[in-house]
Amino acid sequence: MKHNPVNWFEIYVQEMPRAKRFYETVLQLKLEKIENPETEMWSFPMDTDRFGAGGSLVKMEGMPSGGNSTIIYFICENCAVEASRIAKAGGRIFKDKMSIGPYGFIALAYDTEGNMVGLHSMQ
């Protein structure tokens, strides 16, 4: 395999304005609307020439949020900074910033839709 195994992610939501506000607040970024006549989607900023996977928030009939076993980790300078915004944005912390040895640090949280997400940083 000459590339990383993940190239796209989707986070399913029930209430798009609430979920969009949560991620924009915590990550300090703006999501962009993806035009799709059947599904409401808002993508995270991405550059296809850079390392990492692109993805979006998705509201789709028959795809409930929360309760899945996949965790998406967002890259951060210092994951404690983004973690400090979780509660104010309507989410809740599951695990505060913790060391994962030579691989850096992570924090785990639930978003406003019940999805667990991760934050990762090297400091």
PDB file of N, CA and C in Angstrom:
ATOM      1  N   MET A   1       0.849  -1.177   0.000  1.00  0.00           N
ATOM      2  CA  MET A   1       0.000   0.000   0.000  1.00  0.00           C
ATOM      3  C   MET A   1       0.897   1.245   0.000  1.00  0.00           C
ATOM      4  N   LYS A   2       0.678   2.152  -0.945  1.00  0.00           N
ATOM      5  CA  LYS A   2       1.512   3.337  -1.067  1.00  0.00           C
ATOM      6  C   LYS A   2       0.851   4.585  -0.506  1.00  0.00           C
ATOM      7  N   HIS A   3      -0.197   4.407   0.250  1.00  0.00           N
ATOM      8  CA  HIS A   3      -0.887   5.543   0.842  1.00  0.00           C
ATOM      9  C   HIS A   3      -1.461   5.122   2.194  1.00  0.00           C
ATOM     10  N   ASN A   4      -1.887   6.090   2.968  1.00  0.00           N
ATOM     11  CA  ASN A   4      -2.530   5.776   4.238  1.00  0.00           C
ATOM     12  C   ASN A   4      -3.888   5.142   3.972  1.00  0.00           C
ATOM     13  N   PRO A   5      -4.365   4.246   4.847  1.00  0.00           N
ATOM     14  CA  PRO A   5      -5.581   3.499   4.563  1.00  0.00           C
ATOM     15  C   PRO A   5      -6.879   4.296   4.662  1.00  0.00           C
ATOM     16  N   VAL A   6      -6.868   5.460   5.277  1.00  0.00           N
ATOM     17  CA  VAL A   6      -8.100   6.242   5.412  1.00  0.00           C
ATOM     18  C   VAL A   6      -8.027   7.464   4.504  1.00  0.00           C
ATOM     19  N   ASN A   7      -9.085   7.690   3.723  1.00  0.00           N
ATOM     20  CA  ASN A   7      -9.089   8.871   2.864  1.00  0.00           C
ATOM     21  C   ASN A   7     -10.309   9.766   3.073  1.00  0.00           C
ATOM     22  N   TRP A   8     -11.269   9.347   3.889  1.00  0.00           N
ATOM     23  CA  TRP A   8     -12.478  10.150   4.112  1.00  0.00           C
ATOM     24  C   TRP A   8     -13.150   9.679   5.383  1.00  0.00           C
ATOM     25  N   PHE A   9     -13.792  10.572   6.098  1.00  0.00           N
ATOM     26  CA  PHE A   9     -14.599  10.171   7.247  1.00  0.00           C
ATOM     27  C   PHE A   9     -15.908  10.944   7.227  1.00  0.00           C
ATOM     28  N   GLU A  10     -16.911  10.368   7.849  1.00  0.00           N
ATOM     29  CA  GLU A  10     -18.208  11.023   8.015  1.00  0.00           C
ATOM     30  C   GLU A  10     -18.640  10.866   9.461  1.00  0.00           C
ATOM     31  N   ILE A  11     -19.118  11.964  10.042  1.00  0.00           N
ATOM     32  CA  ILE A  11     -19.649  11.961  11.393  1.00  0.00           C
ATOM     33  C   ILE A  11     -21.144  12.218  11.261  1.00  0.00           C
ATOM     34  N   TYR A  12     -21.950  11.230  11.609  1.00  0.00           N
ATOM     35  CA  TYR A  12     -23.395  11.352  11.455  1.00  0.00           C
ATOM     36  C   TYR A  12     -24.003  12.150  12.598  1.00  0.00           C
ATOM     37  N   VAL A  13     -24.944  13.008  12.262  1.00  0.00           N
ATOM     38  CA  VAL A  13     -25.557  13.928  13.225  1.00  0.00           C
ATOM     39  C   VAL A  13     -27.070  13.902  13.088  1.00  0.00           C
ATOM     40  N   GLN A  14     -27.741  14.362  14.127  1.00  0.00           N
ATOM     41  CA  GLN A  14     -29.196  14.486  14.108  1.00  0.00           C
ATOM     42  C   GLN A  14     -29.626  15.932  13.897  1.00  0.00           C
ATOM     43  N   GLU A  15     -28.909  16.860  14.508  1.00  0.00           N
ATOM     44  CA  GLU A  15     -29.237  18.282  14.393  1.00  0.00           C
ATOM     45  C   GLU A  15     -28.021  19.021  13.844  1.00  0.00           C
ATOM     46  N   MET A  16     -28.017  19.280  12.544  1.00  0.00           N
ATOM     47  CA  MET A  16     -26.852  19.834  11.864  1.00  0.00           C
ATOM     48  C   MET A  16     -26.404  21.183  12.420  1.00  0.00           C
ATOM     49  N   PRO A  17     -27.300  22.159  12.649  1.00  0.00           N
ATOM     50  CA  PRO A  17     -26.802  23.441  13.157  1.00  0.00           C
ATOM     51  C   PRO A  17     -26.055  23.294  14.490  1.00  0.00           C
ATOM     52  N   ARG A  18     -26.570  22.458  15.366  1.00  0.00           N
ATOM     53  CA  ARG A  18     -25.933  22.241  16.668  1.00  0.00           C
ATOM     54  C   ARG A  18     -24.569  21.570  16.487  1.00  0.00           C
ATOM     55  N   ALA A  19     -24.496  20.519  15.661  1.00  0.00           N
ATOM     56  CA  ALA A  19     -23.248  19.801  15.441  1.00  0.00           C
ATOM     57  C   ALA A  19     -22.226  20.695  14.738  1.00  0.00           C
ATOM     58  N   LYS A  20     -22.658  21.441  13.751  1.00  0.00           N
ATOM     59  CA  LYS A  20     -21.775  22.334  13.008  1.00  0.00           C
ATOM     60  C   LYS A  20     -21.173  23.381  13.948  1.00  0.00           C
ATOM     61  N   ARG A  21     -21.998  23.964  14.791  1.00  0.00           N
ATOM     62  CA  ARG A  21     -21.542  24.964  15.764  1.00  0.00           C
ATOM     63  C   ARG A  21     -20.510  24.344  16.731  1.00  0.00           C
ATOM     64  N   PHE A  22     -20.765  23.098  17.182  1.00  0.00           N
ATOM     65  CA  PHE A  22     -19.850  22.419  18.097  1.00  0.00           C
ATOM     66  C   PHE A  22     -18.456  22.294  17.481  1.00  0.00           C
ATOM     67  N   TYR A  23     -18.347  21.716  16.287  1.00  0.00           N
ATOM     68  CA  TYR A  23     -17.041  21.493  15.666  1.00  0.00           C
ATOM     69  C   TYR A  23     -16.364  22.799  15.274  1.00  0.00           C
ATOM     70  N   GLU A  24     -17.120  23.781  14.797  1.00  0.00           N
ATOM     71  CA  GLU A  24     -16.518  25.067  14.454  1.00  0.00           C
ATOM     72  C   GLU A  24     -15.971  25.760  15.698  1.00  0.00           C
ATOM     73  N   THR A  25     -16.674  25.624  16.824  1.00  0.00           N
ATOM     74  CA  THR A  25     -16.229  26.244  18.076  1.00  0.00           C
ATOM     75  C   THR A  25     -15.009  25.538  18.647  1.00  0.00           C
ATOM     76  N   VAL A  26     -15.052  24.231  18.759  1.00  0.00           N
ATOM     77  CA  VAL A  26     -13.959  23.478  19.368  1.00  0.00           C
ATOM     78  C   VAL A  26     -12.689  23.555  18.525  1.00  0.00           C
ATOM     79  N   LEU A  27     -12.808  23.363  17.215  1.00  0.00           N
ATOM     80  CA  LEU A  27     -11.636  23.313  16.337  1.00  0.00           C
ATOM     81  C   LEU A  27     -11.260  24.664  15.740  1.00  0.00           C
ATOM     82  N   GLN A  28     -12.093  25.706  15.991  1.00  0.00           N
ATOM     83  CA  GLN A  28     -11.821  27.047  15.482  1.00  0.00           C
ATOM     84  C   GLN A  28     -11.616  27.049  13.975  1.00  0.00           C
ATOM     85  N   LEU A  29     -12.615  26.514  13.240  1.00  0.00           N
ATOM     86  CA  LEU A  29     -12.570  26.461  11.787  1.00  0.00           C
ATOM     87  C   LEU A  29     -13.979  26.656  11.242  1.00  0.00           C
ATOM     88  N   LYS A  30     -14.098  26.783   9.942  1.00  0.00           N
ATOM     89  CA  LYS A  30     -15.398  26.920   9.283  1.00  0.00           C
ATOM     90  C   LYS A  30     -15.640  25.717   8.391  1.00  0.00           C
ATOM     91  N   LEU A  31     -16.787  25.080   8.555  1.00  0.00           N
ATOM     92  CA  LEU A  31     -17.181  23.968   7.703  1.00  0.00           C
ATOM     93  C   LEU A  31     -17.781  24.526   6.414  1.00  0.00           C
ATOM     94  N   GLU A  32     -17.627  23.783   5.321  1.00  0.00           N
ATOM     95  CA  GLU A  32     -18.126  24.221   4.020  1.00  0.00           C
ATOM     96  C   GLU A  32     -19.206  23.276   3.522  1.00  0.00           C
ATOM     97  N   LYS A  33     -20.294  23.833   3.004  1.00  0.00           N
ATOM     98  CA  LYS A  33     -21.419  23.025   2.522  1.00  0.00           C
ATOM     99  C   LYS A  33     -21.014  22.225   1.289  1.00  0.00           C
ATOM    100  N   ILE A  34     -21.383  20.942   1.289  1.00  0.00           N
ATOM    101  CA  ILE A  34     -21.215  20.085   0.117  1.00  0.00           C
ATOM    102  C   ILE A  34     -22.595  19.966  -0.511  1.00  0.00           C
ATOM    103  N   GLU A  35     -22.715  20.357  -1.743  1.00  0.00           N
ATOM    104  CA  GLU A  35     -24.013  20.292  -2.421  1.00  0.00           C
ATOM    105  C   GLU A  35     -24.372  18.840  -2.716  1.00  0.00           C
ATOM    106  N   ASN A  36     -25.494  18.410  -2.169  1.00  0.00           N
ATOM    107  CA  ASN A  36     -25.982  17.051  -2.343  1.00  0.00           C
ATOM    108  C   ASN A  36     -27.499  17.112  -2.183  1.00  0.00           C
ATOM    109  N   PRO A  37     -28.275  16.760  -3.199  1.00  0.00           N
ATOM    110  CA  PRO A  37     -29.734  16.903  -3.120  1.00  0.00           C
ATOM    111  C   PRO A  37     -30.399  15.950  -2.122  1.00  0.00           C
ATOM    112  N   GLU A  38     -29.744  14.860  -1.757  1.00  0.00           N
ATOM    113  CA  GLU A  38     -30.365  13.869  -0.886  1.00  0.00           C
ATOM    114  C   GLU A  38     -29.883  13.902   0.560  1.00  0.00           C
ATOM    115  N   THR A  39     -28.703  14.452   0.799  1.00  0.00           N
ATOM    116  CA  THR A  39     -28.081  14.394   2.117  1.00  0.00           C
ATOM    117  C   THR A  39     -27.487  15.749   2.458  1.00  0.00           C
ATOM    118  N   GLU A  40     -27.660  16.189   3.711  1.00  0.00           N
ATOM    119  CA  GLU A  40     -27.028  17.429   4.145  1.00  0.00           C
ATOM    120  C   GLU A  40     -25.615  17.115   4.632  1.00  0.00           C
ATOM    121  N   MET A  41     -24.628  17.765   4.011  1.00  0.00           N
ATOM    122  CA  MET A  41     -23.228  17.510   4.361  1.00  0.00           C
ATOM    123  C   MET A  41     -22.466  18.826   4.474  1.00  0.00           C
ATOM    124  N   TRP A  42     -21.623  18.911   5.493  1.00  0.00           N
ATOM    125  CA  TRP A  42     -20.730  20.054   5.704  1.00  0.00           C
ATOM    126  C   TRP A  42     -19.325  19.509   5.906  1.00  0.00           C
ATOM    127  N   SER A  43     -18.384  19.870   5.025  1.00  0.00           N
ATOM    128  CA  SER A  43     -17.034  19.304   5.080  1.00  0.00           C
ATOM    129  C   SER A  43     -16.101  20.137   5.963  1.00  0.00           C
ATOM    130  N   PHE A  44     -15.148  19.426   6.546  1.00  0.00           N
ATOM    131  CA  PHE A  44     -14.061  20.072   7.251  1.00  0.00           C
ATOM    132  C   PHE A  44     -13.100  20.599   6.197  1.00  0.00           C
ATOM    133  N   PRO A  45     -12.401  21.715   6.476  1.00  0.00           N
ATOM    134  CA  PRO A  45     -11.439  22.229   5.499  1.00  0.00           C
ATOM    135  C   PRO A  45     -10.420  21.152   5.143  1.00  0.00           C
ATOM    136  N   MET A  46     -10.078  21.061   3.866  1.00  0.00           N
ATOM    137  CA  MET A  46      -9.116  20.039   3.458  1.00  0.00           C
ATOM    138  C   MET A  46      -8.317  20.499   2.262  1.00  0.00           C
ATOM    139  N   ASP A  47      -7.144  19.912   2.146  1.00  0.00           N
ATOM    140  CA  ASP A  47      -6.250  20.141   1.024  1.00  0.00           C
ATOM    141  C   ASP A  47      -5.793  18.758   0.585  1.00  0.00           C
ATOM    142  N   THR A  48      -6.197  18.322  -0.584  1.00  0.00           N
ATOM    143  CA  THR A  48      -5.911  16.960  -1.032  1.00  0.00           C
ATOM    144  C   THR A  48      -4.423  16.699  -1.262  1.00  0.00           C
ATOM    145  N   ASP A  49      -3.602  17.748  -1.274  1.00  0.00           N
ATOM    146  CA  ASP A  49      -2.164  17.572  -1.451  1.00  0.00           C
ATOM    147  C   ASP A  49      -1.421  17.443  -0.124  1.00  0.00           C
ATOM    148  N   ARG A  50      -2.159  17.463   0.984  1.00  0.00           N
ATOM    149  CA  ARG A  50      -1.515  17.401   2.295  1.00  0.00           C
ATOM    150  C   ARG A  50      -1.818  16.084   2.988  1.00  0.00           C
ATOM    151  N   PHE A  51      -1.040  15.755   4.004  1.00  0.00           N
ATOM    152  CA  PHE A  51      -1.203  14.546   4.797  1.00  0.00           C
ATOM    153  C   PHE A  51      -2.519  14.588   5.562  1.00  0.00           C
ATOM    154  N   GLY A  52      -3.182  13.460   5.695  1.00  0.00           N
ATOM    155  CA  GLY A  52      -4.407  13.352   6.483  1.00  0.00           C
ATOM    156  C   GLY A  52      -5.622  13.126   5.610  1.00  0.00           C
ATOM    157  N   ALA A  53      -6.731  12.822   6.262  1.00  0.00           N
ATOM    158  CA  ALA A  53      -7.974  12.509   5.561  1.00  0.00           C
ATOM    159  C   ALA A  53      -8.968  13.660   5.669  1.00  0.00           C
ATOM    160  N   GLY A  54      -9.736  13.859   4.601  1.00  0.00           N
ATOM    161  CA  GLY A  54     -10.823  14.817   4.636  1.00  0.00           C
ATOM    162  C   GLY A  54     -12.079  14.144   5.151  1.00  0.00           C
ATOM    163  N   GLY A  55     -13.089  14.946   5.487  1.00  0.00           N
ATOM    164  CA  GLY A  55     -14.330  14.367   5.966  1.00  0.00           C
ATOM    165  C   GLY A  55     -15.401  15.414   6.177  1.00  0.00           C
ATOM    166  N   SER A  56     -16.583  14.951   6.629  1.00  0.00           N
ATOM    167  CA  SER A  56     -17.706  15.864   6.782  1.00  0.00           C
ATOM    168  C   SER A  56     -18.670  15.413   7.866  1.00  0.00           C
ATOM    169  N   LEU A  57     -19.520  16.356   8.279  1.00  0.00           N
ATOM    170  CA  LEU A  57     -20.688  16.046   9.092  1.00  0.00           C
ATOM    171  C   LEU A  57     -21.775  15.652   8.107  1.00  0.00           C
ATOM    172  N   VAL A  58     -22.589  14.650   8.448  1.00  0.00           N
ATOM    173  CA  VAL A  58     -23.620  14.170   7.533  1.00  0.00           C
ATOM    174  C   VAL A  58     -24.926  13.960   8.288  1.00  0.00           C
ATOM    175  N   LYS A  59     -26.015  14.475   7.736  1.00  0.00           N
ATOM    176  CA  LYS A  59     -27.364  14.184   8.235  1.00  0.00           C
ATOM    177  C   LYS A  59     -28.057  13.387   7.150  1.00  0.00           C
ATOM    178  N   MET A  60     -28.271  12.097   7.432  1.00  0.00           N
ATOM    179  CA  MET A  60     -28.844  11.198   6.437  1.00  0.00           C
ATOM    180  C   MET A  60     -29.929  10.345   7.085  1.00  0.00           C
ATOM    181  N   GLU A  61     -31.050  10.232   6.408  1.00  0.00           N
ATOM    182  CA  GLU A  61     -32.150   9.395   6.872  1.00  0.00           C
ATOM    183  C   GLU A  61     -31.661   7.966   7.085  1.00  0.00           C
ATOM    184  N   GLY A  62     -31.985   7.392   8.245  1.00  0.00           N
ATOM    185  CA  GLY A  62     -31.613   6.013   8.542  1.00  0.00           C
ATOM    186  C   GLY A  62     -30.221   5.828   9.110  1.00  0.00           C
ATOM    187  N   MET A  63     -29.468   6.912   9.309  1.00  0.00           N
ATOM    188  CA  MET A  63     -28.116   6.819   9.873  1.00  0.00           C
ATOM    189  C   MET A  63     -28.067   7.628  11.162  1.00  0.00           C
ATOM    190  N   PRO A  64     -28.356   7.003  12.292  1.00  0.00           N
ATOM    191  CA  PRO A  64     -28.358   7.732  13.563  1.00  0.00           C
ATOM    192  C   PRO A  64     -26.941   8.074  14.020  1.00  0.00           C
ATOM    193  N   SER A  65     -26.836   9.082  14.849  1.00  0.00           N
ATOM    194  CA  SER A  65     -25.543   9.454  15.425  1.00  0.00           C
ATOM    195  C   SER A  65     -25.316   8.690  16.725  1.00  0.00           C
ATOM    196  N   GLY A  66     -24.065   8.682  17.182  1.00  0.00           N
ATOM    197  CA  GLY A  66     -23.712   8.053  18.457  1.00  0.00           C
ATOM    198  C   GLY A  66     -23.746   6.540  18.391  1.00  0.00           C
ATOM    199  N   GLY A  67     -23.115   5.919  19.370  1.00  0.00           N
ATOM    200  CA  GLY A  67     -23.195   4.476  19.509  1.00  0.00           C
ATOM    201  C   GLY A  67     -22.333   3.661  18.567  1.00  0.00           C
ATOM    202  N   ASN A  68     -21.500   4.290  17.742  1.00  0.00           N
ATOM    203  CA  ASN A  68     -20.658   3.496  16.848  1.00  0.00           C
ATOM    204  C   ASN A  68     -19.310   3.214  17.507  1.00  0.00           C
ATOM    205  N   SER A  69     -18.506   2.403  16.903  1.00  0.00           N
ATOM    206  CA  SER A  69     -17.249   2.020  17.525  1.00  0.00           C
ATOM    207  C   SER A  69     -16.027   2.579  16.801  1.00  0.00           C
ATOM    208  N   THR A  70     -16.191   3.586  15.995  1.00  0.00           N
ATOM    209  CA  THR A  70     -15.081   4.208  15.287  1.00  0.00           C
ATOM    210  C   THR A  70     -14.818   5.583  15.889  1.00  0.00           C
ATOM    211  N   ILE A  71     -13.555   5.898  16.142  1.00  0.00           N
ATOM    212  CA  ILE A  71     -13.211   7.210  16.688  1.00  0.00           C
ATOM    213  C   ILE A  71     -12.332   7.941  15.684  1.00  0.00           C
ATOM    214  N   ILE A  72     -12.718   9.151  15.364  1.00  0.00           N
ATOM    215  CA  ILE A  72     -11.944  10.042  14.505  1.00  0.00           C
ATOM    216  C   ILE A  72     -11.094  10.924  15.411  1.00  0.00           C
ATOM    217  N   TYR A  73      -9.802  11.041  15.103  1.00  0.00           N
ATOM    218  CA  TYR A  73      -8.910  11.912  15.863  1.00  0.00           C
ATOM    219  C   TYR A  73      -8.585  13.146  15.028  1.00  0.00           C
ATOM    220  N   PHE A  74      -8.831  14.326  15.601  1.00  0.00           N
ATOM    221  CA  PHE A  74      -8.500  15.587  14.952  1.00  0.00           C
ATOM    222  C   PHE A  74      -7.110  16.023  15.395  1.00  0.00           C
ATOM    223  N   ILE A  75      -6.282  16.457  14.446  1.00  0.00           N
ATOM    224  CA  ILE A  75      -4.925  16.910  14.723  1.00  0.00           C
ATOM    225  C   ILE A  75      -4.971  18.289  15.378  1.00  0.00           C
ATOM    226  N   CYS A  76      -4.197  18.460  16.432  1.00  0.00           N
ATOM    227  CA  CYS A  76      -4.140  19.720  17.177  1.00  0.00           C
ATOM    228  C   CYS A  76      -2.682  20.065  17.486  1.00  0.00           C
ATOM    229  N   GLU A  77      -2.410  21.331  17.772  1.00  0.00           N
ATOM    230  CA  GLU A  77      -1.084  21.729  18.267  1.00  0.00           C
ATOM    231  C   GLU A  77      -0.905  21.185  19.675  1.00  0.00           C
ATOM    232  N   ASN A  78      -1.904  21.435  20.534  1.00  0.00           N
ATOM    233  CA  ASN A  78      -1.909  20.969  21.924  1.00  0.00           C
ATOM    234  C   ASN A  78      -3.356  20.601  22.229  1.00  0.00           C
ATOM    235  N   CYS A  79      -3.656  19.322  22.300  1.00  0.00           N
ATOM    236  CA  CYS A  79      -5.056  18.883  22.406  1.00  0.00           C
ATOM    237  C   CYS A  79      -5.760  19.395  23.654  1.00  0.00           C
ATOM    238  N   ALA A  80      -5.026  19.858  24.666  1.00  0.00           N
ATOM    239  CA  ALA A  80      -5.662  20.434  25.859  1.00  0.00           C
ATOM    240  C   ALA A  80      -6.408  21.725  25.515  1.00  0.00           C
ATOM    241  N   VAL A  81      -5.915  22.463  24.522  1.00  0.00           N
ATOM    242  CA  VAL A  81      -6.556  23.725  24.128  1.00  0.00           C
ATOM    243  C   VAL A  81      -7.944  23.452  23.553  1.00  0.00           C
ATOM    244  N   GLU A  82      -8.025  22.549  22.569  1.00  0.00           N
ATOM    245  CA  GLU A  82      -9.323  22.210  21.987  1.00  0.00           C
ATOM    246  C   GLU A  82     -10.223  21.528  23.017  1.00  0.00           C
ATOM    247  N   ALA A  83      -9.656  20.676  23.856  1.00  0.00           N
ATOM    248  CA  ALA A  83     -10.442  20.000  24.896  1.00  0.00           C
ATOM    249  C   ALA A  83     -11.073  21.007  25.853  1.00  0.00           C
ATOM    250  N   SER A  84     -10.394  22.118  26.092  1.00  0.00           N
ATOM    251  CA  SER A  84     -10.937  23.137  26.995  1.00  0.00           C
ATOM    252  C   SER A  84     -12.183  23.810  26.424  1.00  0.00           C
ATOM    253  N   ARG A  85     -12.426  23.665  25.133  1.00  0.00           N
ATOM    254  CA  ARG A  85     -13.602  24.267  24.491  1.00  0.00           C
ATOM    255  C   ARG A  85     -14.793  23.311  24.421  1.00  0.00           C
ATOM    256  N   ILE A  86     -14.590  22.038  24.727  1.00  0.00           N
ATOM    257  CA  ILE A  86     -15.631  21.013  24.557  1.00  0.00           C
ATOM    258  C   ILE A  86     -16.910  21.342  25.323  1.00  0.00           C
ATOM    259  N   ALA A  87     -16.816  21.530  26.622  1.00  0.00           N
ATOM    260  CA  ALA A  87     -18.014  21.753  27.445  1.00  0.00           C
ATOM    261  C   ALA A  87     -18.738  23.030  27.033  1.00  0.00           C
ATOM    262  N   LYS A  88     -17.986  24.107  26.766  1.00  0.00           N
ATOM    263  CA  LYS A  88     -18.609  25.380  26.354  1.00  0.00           C
ATOM    264  C   LYS A  88     -19.359  25.236  25.039  1.00  0.00           C
ATOM    265  N   ALA A  89     -18.907  24.284  24.190  1.00  0.00           N
ATOM    266  CA  ALA A  89     -19.543  24.072  22.889  1.00  0.00           C
ATOM    267  C   ALA A  89     -20.693  23.062  22.968  1.00  0.00           C
ATOM    268  N   GLY A  90     -20.987  22.553  24.174  1.00  0.00           N
ATOM    269  CA  GLY A  90     -22.125  21.650  24.339  1.00  0.00           C
ATOM    270  C   GLY A  90     -21.782  20.178  24.432  1.00  0.00           C
ATOM    271  N   GLY A  91     -20.495  19.832  24.349  1.00  0.00           N
ATOM    272  CA  GLY A  91     -20.075  18.433  24.453  1.00  0.00           C
ATOM    273  C   GLY A  91     -19.645  18.099  25.874  1.00  0.00           C
ATOM    274  N   ARG A  92     -19.026  16.923  26.037  1.00  0.00           N
ATOM    275  CA  ARG A  92     -18.503  16.558  27.357  1.00  0.00           C
ATOM    276  C   ARG A  92     -17.238  15.725  27.201  1.00  0.00           C
ATOM    277  N   ILE A  93     -16.314  15.957  28.101  1.00  0.00           N
ATOM    278  CA  ILE A  93     -15.031  15.246  28.097  1.00  0.00           C
ATOM    279  C   ILE A  93     -15.226  13.839  28.641  1.00  0.00           C
ATOM    280  N   PHE A  94     -14.643  12.863  27.947  1.00  0.00           N
ATOM    281  CA  PHE A  94     -14.607  11.482  28.423  1.00  0.00           C
ATOM    282  C   PHE A  94     -13.268  11.222  29.113  1.00  0.00           C
ATOM    283  N   LYS A  95     -12.156  11.624  28.476  1.00  0.00           N
ATOM    284  CA  LYS A  95     -10.813  11.507  29.050  1.00  0.00           C
ATOM    285  C   LYS A  95     -10.062  12.798  28.753  1.00  0.00           C
ATOM    286  N   ASP A  96      -9.560  13.439  29.812  1.00  0.00           N
ATOM    287  CA  ASP A  96      -8.735  14.621  29.620  1.00  0.00           C
ATOM    288  C   ASP A  96      -7.434  14.239  28.922  1.00  0.00           C
ATOM    289  N   LYS A  97      -6.682  15.239  28.516  1.00  0.00           N
ATOM    290  CA  LYS A  97      -5.410  15.022  27.833  1.00  0.00           C
ATOM    291  C   LYS A  97      -4.570  13.992  28.599  1.00  0.00           C
ATOM    292  N   MET A  98      -4.095  12.994  27.852  1.00  0.00           N
ATOM    293  CA  MET A  98      -3.255  11.968  28.466  1.00  0.00           C
ATOM    294  C   MET A  98      -2.163  11.560  27.484  1.00  0.00           C
ATOM    295  N   SER A  99      -1.068  11.107  28.034  1.00  0.00           N
ATOM    296  CA  SER A  99       0.071  10.696  27.221  1.00  0.00           C
ATOM    297  C   SER A  99      -0.189   9.338  26.566  1.00  0.00           C
ATOM    298  N   ILE A 100       0.278   9.213  25.331  1.00  0.00           N
ATOM    299  CA  ILE A 100       0.303   7.907  24.671  1.00  0.00           C
ATOM    300  C   ILE A 100       1.763   7.603  24.284  1.00  0.00           C
ATOM    301  N   GLY A 101       2.643   7.971  25.217  1.00  0.00           N
ATOM    302  CA  GLY A 101       4.071   7.705  25.063  1.00  0.00           C
ATOM    303  C   GLY A 101       4.687   8.472  23.906  1.00  0.00           C
ATOM    304  N   PRO A 102       5.520   7.810  23.108  1.00  0.00           N
ATOM    305  CA  PRO A 102       6.213   8.505  22.029  1.00  0.00           C
ATOM    306  C   PRO A 102       5.282   8.975  20.906  1.00  0.00           C
ATOM    307  N   TYR A 103       4.007   8.621  20.978  1.00  0.00           N
ATOM    308  CA  TYR A 103       3.043   9.008  19.939  1.00  0.00           C
ATOM    309  C   TYR A 103       2.292  10.287  20.286  1.00  0.00           C
ATOM    310  N   GLY A 104       2.652  10.911  21.401  1.00  0.00           N
ATOM    311  CA  GLY A 104       2.049  12.189  21.754  1.00  0.00           C
ATOM    312  C   GLY A 104       1.005  12.099  22.842  1.00  0.00           C
ATOM    313  N   PHE A 105      -0.091  12.842  22.637  1.00  0.00           N
ATOM    314  CA  PHE A 105      -1.148  12.973  23.632  1.00  0.00           C
ATOM    315  C   PHE A 105      -2.499  12.913  22.956  1.00  0.00           C
ATOM    316  N   ILE A 106      -3.502  12.447  23.685  1.00  0.00           N
ATOM    317  CA  ILE A 106      -4.874  12.446  23.183  1.00  0.00           C
ATOM    318  C   ILE A 106      -5.828  12.909  24.277  1.00  0.00           C
ATOM    319  N   ALA A 107      -6.979  13.356  23.860  1.00  0.00           N
ATOM    320  CA  ALA A 107      -8.130  13.619  24.729  1.00  0.00           C
ATOM    321  C   ALA A 107      -9.334  13.038  24.002  1.00  0.00           C
ATOM    322  N   LEU A 108     -10.296  12.521  24.750  1.00  0.00           N
ATOM    323  CA  LEU A 108     -11.512  11.952  24.161  1.00  0.00           C
ATOM    324  C   LEU A 108     -12.726  12.694  24.685  1.00  0.00           C
ATOM    325  N   ALA A 109     -13.696  12.926  23.794  1.00  0.00           N
ATOM    326  CA  ALA A 109     -14.889  13.676  24.180  1.00  0.00           C
ATOM    327  C   ALA A 109     -16.094  13.215  23.378  1.00  0.00           C
ATOM    328  N   TYR A 110     -17.264  13.523  23.912  1.00  0.00           N
ATOM    329  CA  TYR A 110     -18.514  13.307  23.186  1.00  0.00           C
ATOM    330  C   TYR A 110     -18.958  14.635  22.600  1.00  0.00           C
ATOM    331  N   ASP A 111     -19.372  14.623  21.324  1.00  0.00           N
ATOM    332  CA  ASP A 111     -19.903  15.835  20.709  1.00  0.00           C
ATOM    333  C   ASP A 111     -21.361  16.009  21.106  1.00  0.00           C
ATOM    334  N   THR A 112     -22.011  16.992  20.544  1.00  0.00           N
ATOM    335  CA  THR A 112     -23.411  17.282  20.876  1.00  0.00           C
ATOM    336  C   THR A 112     -24.377  16.224  20.363  1.00  0.00           C
ATOM    337  N   GLU A 113     -23.905  15.334  19.467  1.00  0.00           N
ATOM    338  CA  GLU A 113     -24.758  14.317  18.871  1.00  0.00           C
ATOM    339  C   GLU A 113     -24.546  12.931  19.483  1.00  0.00           C
ATOM    340  N   GLY A 114     -23.690  12.833  20.499  1.00  0.00           N
ATOM    341  CA  GLY A 114     -23.407  11.558  21.155  1.00  0.00           C
ATOM    342  C   GLY A 114     -22.280  10.760  20.526  1.00  0.00           C
ATOM    343  N   ASN A 115     -21.567  11.339  19.551  1.00  0.00           N
ATOM    344  CA  ASN A 115     -20.418  10.678  18.933  1.00  0.00           C
ATOM    345  C   ASN A 115     -19.168  10.907  19.758  1.00  0.00           C
ATOM    346  N   MET A 116     -18.375   9.877  20.003  1.00  0.00           N
ATOM    347  CA  MET A 116     -17.086  10.073  20.646  1.00  0.00           C
ATOM    348  C   MET A 116     -16.078  10.450  19.577  1.00  0.00           C
ATOM    349  N   VAL A 117     -15.296  11.498  19.851  1.00  0.00           N
ATOM    350  CA  VAL A 117     -14.239  11.946  18.954  1.00  0.00           C
ATOM    351  C   VAL A 117     -12.959  12.108  19.760  1.00  0.00           C
ATOM    352  N   GLY A 118     -11.831  12.062  19.058  1.00  0.00           N
ATOM    353  CA  GLY A 118     -10.546  12.219  19.712  1.00  0.00           C
ATOM    354  C   GLY A 118      -9.831  13.453  19.230  1.00  0.00           C
ATOM    355  N   LEU A 119      -8.956  13.957  20.081  1.00  0.00           N
ATOM    356  CA  LEU A 119      -8.059  15.065  19.749  1.00  0.00           C
ATOM    357  C   LEU A 119      -6.651  14.524  19.939  1.00  0.00           C
ATOM    358  N   HIS A 120      -5.734  14.780  19.002  1.00  0.00           N
ATOM    359  CA  HIS A 120      -4.370  14.277  19.083  1.00  0.00           C
ATOM    360  C   HIS A 120      -3.382  15.394  18.871  1.00  0.00           C
ATOM    361  N   SER A 121      -2.314  15.393  19.673  1.00  0.00           N
ATOM    362  CA  SER A 121      -1.231  16.343  19.485  1.00  0.00           C
ATOM    363  C   SER A 121       0.081  15.709  19.919  1.00  0.00           C
ATOM    364  N   MET A 122       1.182  16.287  19.474  1.00  0.00           N
ATOM    365  CA  MET A 122       2.493  15.793  19.884  1.00  0.00           C
ATOM    366  C   MET A 122       2.994  16.525  21.127  1.00  0.00           C
ATOM    367  N   GLN A 123       2.340  17.608  21.515  1.00  0.00           N
ATOM    368  CA  GLN A 123       2.741  18.296  22.759  1.00  0.00           C
ATOM    369  C   GLN A 123       1.603  18.361  23.742  1.00  0.00           C
TER     370      GLN A 123
END
